[in-house]
Protein backbone atom coordinates (compact mmCIF):
# COMPACT_ATOMS: atom_id res chain seq x y z
CA MET A 1 0.44 -0.39 0.14
CA ALA A 2 1.60 3.29 -1.03
CA GLU A 3 2.69 5.54 1.89
CA ARG A 4 0.46 9.27 1.99
CA LYS A 5 2.61 12.27 1.61
CA VAL A 6 3.28 13.65 5.22
CA THR A 7 2.72 17.14 3.64
CA SER A 8 -0.49 16.08 2.69
CA THR A 9 -3.81 18.05 4.55
CA ASN A 10 -5.24 14.55 5.07
CA TYR A 11 -2.31 13.19 7.17
CA GLN A 12 -1.52 16.52 8.60
CA ASN A 13 -5.35 15.93 10.27
CA GLN A 14 -4.28 12.78 11.41
CA ALA A 15 -1.28 13.49 13.47
CA PHE A 16 -3.27 16.55 14.88
CA LEU A 17 -5.82 14.37 15.93
CA GLU A 18 -3.63 11.10 17.14
CA SER A 19 -1.36 13.60 19.08
CA LYS A 20 -4.43 15.46 21.05
CA CYS A 21 -5.36 11.51 22.32
CA SER A 22 -3.64 8.55 21.92
CA LEU A 23 -7.39 6.80 21.50
CA ASN A 24 -7.52 8.29 17.90
CA GLU A 25 -4.64 6.20 17.02
CA LEU A 26 -6.12 3.43 17.95
CA MET A 27 -8.93 3.77 16.58
CA VAL A 28 -7.20 4.48 12.78
CA LEU A 29 -5.43 1.09 13.92
CA LEU A 30 -8.75 -1.09 14.14
CA SER A 31 -10.65 0.95 11.59
CA ARG A 32 -8.08 -0.78 9.36
CA ARG A 33 -10.36 -3.85 7.51
CA TRP A 34 -9.94 -7.45 9.04
CA ILE A 35 -7.92 -6.20 12.23
CA THR A 36 -11.10 -6.56 14.55
CA GLU A 37 -12.15 -9.59 13.30
CA ILE A 38 -8.20 -11.42 13.42
CA LEU A 39 -8.08 -10.65 16.91
CA PHE A 40 -11.06 -12.40 17.53
CA CYS A 41 -9.93 -15.25 15.55
CA ILE A 42 -6.91 -15.36 18.08
CA GLU A 43 -8.89 -15.05 20.90
CA GLU A 44 -11.29 -18.12 20.01
CA GLY A 45 -8.48 -20.17 19.44
CA ASN A 46 -7.46 -20.09 16.33
CA SER A 47 -3.70 -19.54 16.41
CA ARG A 48 -2.56 -20.60 13.39
CA PHE A 49 -1.87 -18.57 9.73
CA SER A 50 -4.04 -21.44 7.88
CA GLY A 51 -6.76 -21.40 10.88
CA ILE A 52 -6.97 -17.71 10.55
CA LYS A 53 -7.35 -17.50 6.49
CA GLU A 54 -9.81 -20.25 6.70
CA GLU A 55 -12.63 -18.61 9.40
CA LEU A 56 -12.04 -15.21 8.03
CA SER A 57 -12.15 -17.00 4.01
CA PRO A 58 -12.36 -13.58 1.56
CA ILE A 59 -8.76 -12.11 3.21
CA THR A 60 -6.01 -12.55 1.12
CA ASP A 61 -3.08 -13.89 2.52
CA HIS A 62 -1.05 -10.56 1.61
CA ILE A 63 -3.64 -8.38 4.06
CA LEU A 64 -3.47 -11.32 6.81
CA ALA A 65 0.05 -11.40 6.51
CA ASP A 66 0.20 -7.49 6.85
CA ARG A 67 -2.34 -7.33 9.47
CA LEU A 68 -0.83 -9.61 11.59
CA LYS A 69 2.58 -7.65 11.58
CA LEU A 70 1.18 -4.83 12.25
CA LEU A 71 -1.08 -6.29 15.64
CA GLU A 72 2.37 -7.65 16.32
CA LYS A 73 3.96 -4.34 15.80
CA ASN A 74 1.36 -2.45 18.13
CA ARG A 75 1.93 -4.96 20.80
CA LEU A 76 -1.28 -6.76 20.90
CA ILE A 77 -0.76 -10.46 19.62
CA ASN A 78 2.96 -11.98 20.11
CA ARG A 79 4.51 -13.97 17.15
CA GLN A 80 5.68 -17.68 18.27
CA HIS A 81 8.07 -19.10 15.23
CA PHE A 82 9.28 -22.81 16.01
CA PRO A 83 11.83 -24.41 14.02
CA GLU A 84 10.37 -27.15 12.55
CA VAL A 85 10.14 -28.92 8.80
CA PRO A 86 7.77 -27.22 7.53
CA PRO A 87 8.15 -23.72 9.73
CA LYS A 88 5.19 -23.48 12.18
CA VAL A 89 4.00 -19.98 13.76
CA VAL A 90 1.90 -19.63 16.72
CA TYR A 91 0.03 -16.24 17.15
CA THR A 92 -1.51 -15.52 20.92
CA LEU A 93 -2.80 -12.32 22.51
CA THR A 94 -0.86 -11.14 24.56
CA GLU A 95 -2.41 -8.83 27.87
CA LYS A 96 -3.07 -5.54 26.10
CA GLY A 97 -4.57 -7.86 23.82
CA ARG A 98 -7.30 -9.27 25.47
CA GLU A 99 -8.04 -6.49 27.26
CA LEU A 100 -8.66 -5.02 24.09
CA CYS A 101 -10.90 -7.78 23.09
CA GLY A 102 -12.79 -7.71 26.13
CA LEU A 103 -13.64 -3.76 25.47
CA LEU A 104 -14.23 -4.39 21.87
CA GLU A 105 -16.77 -6.97 22.61
CA LYS A 106 -18.39 -4.72 24.96
CA LEU A 107 -18.61 -1.89 22.19
CA CYS A 108 -20.04 -4.79 19.68
CA ASP A 109 -23.02 -5.82 22.51
CA PHE A 110 -23.45 -1.22 22.90
CA SER A 111 -23.70 -0.85 18.44
CA GLY A 112 -26.54 -3.41 18.86
CA THR A 113 -28.32 -1.08 20.83
CA ILE A 114 -27.79 1.87 18.40
CA PRO A 115 -30.54 1.56 15.66
CA ASN A 116 -29.38 2.00 12.15
CA VAL A 117 -25.56 1.97 12.97
CA CYS A 118 -23.95 1.07 9.74
């Protein structure tokens, strides 16, 4: 995915909002397609790439790999590599990831009480 120009108004507006409150930065991450669904898959025990891919069948391998890297970079999941043949990688939620999933579940429940939520 192409990076936005740092001189663009959109980039500057987002940077301003993120500097005002860390919630804005978290919302940008969570608004990326598939992020919350991947978190919920891992929470439910799908710890392998293939298991997540199977549950979220429309997601491409490229996007799934990208989103897993983002979640790992933001310390919401751990990636454990086992030097086996074939290679084995297991994903687990960090403590912050588990806490976030709990909050997201509450938001999901709350969103069901609001009429006409997109």
